[in-house]
Protein backbone atom coordinates (compact mmCIF):
# COMPACT_ATOMS: atom_id res chain seq x y z
CA UNK A 1 -88.69 4.01 170.98
CA UNK A 2 -91.27 1.32 171.63
CA UNK A 3 -91.36 -0.69 174.87
CA UNK A 4 -90.55 -3.84 172.88
CA UNK A 5 -87.41 -2.23 171.46
CA UNK A 6 -86.32 -1.15 174.94
CA UNK A 7 -86.83 -4.68 176.26
CA UNK A 8 -84.79 -6.15 173.39
CA UNK A 9 -81.97 -3.64 173.83
CA UNK A 10 -82.00 -4.10 177.60
CA UNK A 11 -81.89 -7.89 177.20
CA UNK A 12 -78.94 -7.68 174.81
CA UNK A 13 -77.03 -5.43 177.20
CA UNK A 14 -77.79 -7.83 180.05
CA UNK A 15 -76.54 -10.84 178.06
CA UNK A 16 -73.35 -9.03 177.06
CA UNK A 17 -72.70 -8.03 180.68
CA UNK A 18 -73.29 -11.62 181.84
CA UNK A 19 -70.87 -12.91 179.20
CA UNK A 20 -68.18 -10.46 180.30
CA UNK A 21 -68.67 -11.45 183.96
CA UNK A 22 -68.43 -15.14 183.03
CA UNK A 23 -65.32 -14.57 180.93
CA UNK A 24 -63.70 -12.48 183.69
CA UNK A 25 -64.30 -15.24 186.27
CA UNK A 26 -63.09 -17.94 183.87
CA UNK A 27 -59.95 -15.97 183.00
CA UNK A 28 -59.11 -15.47 186.69
CA UNK A 29 -58.86 -19.25 187.02
CA UNK A 30 -56.51 -19.63 184.04
CA UNK A 31 -54.42 -16.49 183.82
CA UNK A 32 -52.25 -16.08 186.88
CA UNK A 33 -48.78 -16.50 188.33
CA UNK A 34 -48.09 -20.01 189.59
CA UNK A 35 -46.19 -21.20 192.68
CA UNK A 36 -43.15 -22.20 190.60
CA UNK A 37 -42.81 -18.62 189.31
CA UNK A 38 -44.38 -19.49 185.98
CA UNK A 39 -47.33 -17.65 184.53
CA UNK A 40 -50.17 -17.72 182.04
CA UNK A 41 -51.13 -14.30 180.66
CA UNK A 42 -54.03 -13.36 178.45
CA UNK A 43 -52.93 -10.74 175.93
CA UNK A 44 -55.14 -8.54 173.85
CA UNK A 45 -53.96 -8.66 170.26
CA UNK A 46 -51.88 -5.44 170.15
CA UNK A 47 -49.94 -6.66 173.22
CA UNK A 48 -49.56 -10.13 171.66
CA UNK A 49 -48.12 -8.54 168.51
CA UNK A 50 -45.58 -6.62 170.62
CA UNK A 51 -44.58 -9.72 172.61
CA UNK A 52 -44.23 -11.69 169.37
CA UNK A 53 -41.82 -9.07 168.00
CA UNK A 54 -39.90 -8.47 171.25
CA UNK A 55 -39.26 -12.08 172.28
CA UNK A 56 -37.35 -13.88 169.51
CA UNK A 57 -37.26 -17.07 171.62
CA UNK A 58 -41.09 -17.16 171.79
CA UNK A 59 -42.68 -20.20 170.16
CA UNK A 60 -46.25 -19.87 168.86
CA UNK A 61 -48.42 -22.92 169.61
CA UNK A 62 -51.54 -23.43 167.51
CA UNK A 63 -54.06 -25.75 169.16
CA UNK A 64 -56.45 -25.92 166.20
CA UNK A 65 -56.89 -29.10 164.13
CA UNK A 66 -54.14 -29.85 161.58
CA UNK A 67 -56.23 -28.75 158.58
CA UNK A 68 -56.82 -25.28 160.00
CA UNK A 69 -53.15 -25.03 160.96
CA UNK A 70 -52.05 -25.89 157.42
CA UNK A 71 -54.38 -23.27 155.99
CA UNK A 72 -52.96 -20.42 158.10
CA UNK A 73 -50.84 -20.03 161.23
CA UNK A 74 -48.41 -17.69 162.92
CA UNK A 75 -44.83 -17.75 161.60
CA UNK A 76 -42.80 -20.51 163.25
CA UNK A 77 -45.85 -22.02 164.95
CA UNK A 78 -46.01 -25.59 166.19
CA UNK A 79 -49.29 -27.45 165.82
CA UNK A 80 -50.50 -29.14 169.03
CA UNK A 81 -54.16 -29.97 168.34
CA UNK A 82 -56.49 -29.81 171.32
CA UNK A 83 -59.59 -31.94 170.89
CA UNK A 84 -62.09 -33.20 173.47
CA UNK A 85 -59.89 -32.18 176.39
CA UNK A 86 -56.77 -33.89 175.01
CA UNK A 87 -53.69 -31.99 173.85
CA UNK A 88 -51.56 -33.69 171.20
CA UNK A 89 -48.24 -32.14 172.18
CA UNK A 90 -45.98 -34.51 170.22
CA UNK A 91 -44.66 -31.59 168.16
CA UNK A 92 -43.65 -29.85 171.38
CA UNK A 93 -41.49 -32.65 172.82
CA UNK A 94 -38.21 -30.92 171.96
CA UNK A 95 -39.20 -27.53 173.42
CA UNK A 96 -37.51 -26.32 176.58
CA UNK A 97 -40.36 -25.95 179.08
CA UNK A 98 -38.99 -22.60 180.25
CA UNK A 99 -39.14 -21.15 176.73
CA UNK A 100 -42.07 -18.74 176.41
CA UNK A 101 -44.94 -19.94 174.25
CA UNK A 102 -47.79 -18.01 172.64
CA UNK A 103 -50.86 -20.23 172.48
CA UNK A 104 -53.82 -19.49 170.22
CA UNK A 105 -56.70 -20.99 168.28
CA UNK A 106 -59.29 -19.52 165.93
CA UNK A 107 -61.25 -17.41 168.41
CA UNK A 108 -59.76 -18.02 171.87
CA UNK A 109 -62.06 -20.65 173.39
CA UNK A 110 -60.13 -23.81 172.51
CA UNK A 111 -56.79 -22.27 173.51
CA UNK A 112 -58.21 -21.19 176.89
CA UNK A 113 -59.35 -24.78 177.46
CA UNK A 114 -55.87 -26.06 176.47
CA UNK A 115 -54.05 -23.88 179.04
CA UNK A 116 -54.25 -26.36 181.95
CA UNK A 117 -52.77 -29.08 179.71
CA UNK A 118 -49.85 -26.84 178.76
CA UNK A 119 -49.19 -25.94 182.40
CA UNK A 120 -49.49 -29.64 183.32
CA UNK A 121 -46.88 -30.47 180.64
CA UNK A 122 -44.47 -28.13 182.42
CA UNK A 123 -44.58 -24.95 180.35
CA UNK A 124 -43.85 -22.07 182.70
CA UNK A 125 -44.21 -18.97 180.48
CA UNK A 126 -47.50 -19.12 178.63
CA UNK A 127 -48.93 -16.18 176.72
CA UNK A 128 -52.42 -16.45 175.20
CA UNK A 129 -53.85 -14.43 172.30
CA UNK A 130 -57.26 -13.21 173.40
CA UNK A 131 -59.75 -13.87 170.58
CA UNK A 132 -57.21 -15.95 168.64
CA UNK A 133 -55.88 -15.77 165.13
CA UNK A 134 -59.00 -13.96 163.91
CA UNK A 135 -58.05 -10.86 165.88
CA UNK A 136 -54.36 -11.41 165.10
CA UNK A 137 -55.18 -11.02 161.40
CA UNK A 138 -57.59 -8.15 162.07
CA UNK A 139 -54.76 -6.18 163.72
CA UNK A 140 -52.38 -6.93 160.84
CA UNK A 141 -50.51 -9.88 162.32
CA UNK A 142 -48.48 -11.88 159.82
CA UNK A 143 -49.50 -15.45 158.98
CA UNK A 144 -48.00 -18.19 156.87
CA UNK A 145 -49.43 -21.33 155.30
CA UNK A 146 -48.43 -24.93 154.56
CA UNK A 147 -51.37 -25.54 152.22
CA UNK A 148 -50.24 -24.71 148.64
CA UNK A 149 -53.84 -24.16 147.52
CA UNK A 150 -54.21 -21.13 149.80
CA UNK A 151 -52.22 -18.04 150.61
CA UNK A 152 -52.41 -16.01 153.81
CA UNK A 153 -53.97 -13.08 151.97
CA UNK A 154 -56.72 -14.94 150.11
CA UNK A 155 -57.56 -17.86 152.41
């Protein structure tokens, strides 16, 4: 292997390690147990699938823009778009704040950023799908659609 190849491989490994350290530190600020007994938990997709099946009272909350939500979302999901640091939670007004919610977006970044807004709005049991609906689908999670021009399998 040439020295250039070793430098490239070493640089990639270094960047990946830095990203994981950054994500770990960021997650420690968001995912924790709060003073009121509430919590925010980051779930890898297989665990999110289990929680989704085991907690019938769980409400999925999709923080993607309306168009993406209409194309594909988790069954029974409520759309609460999160844009530029603002959560539009009008669809969540009727929810009991102690009901567990499962928040997600496309890849996990937007939903992580929306967590403080959900906690601020009084939700006490917040689950988060790590890596979002992309990984949900990868692991065989069921989706539904509101857009008649697409179906969950072909969209």
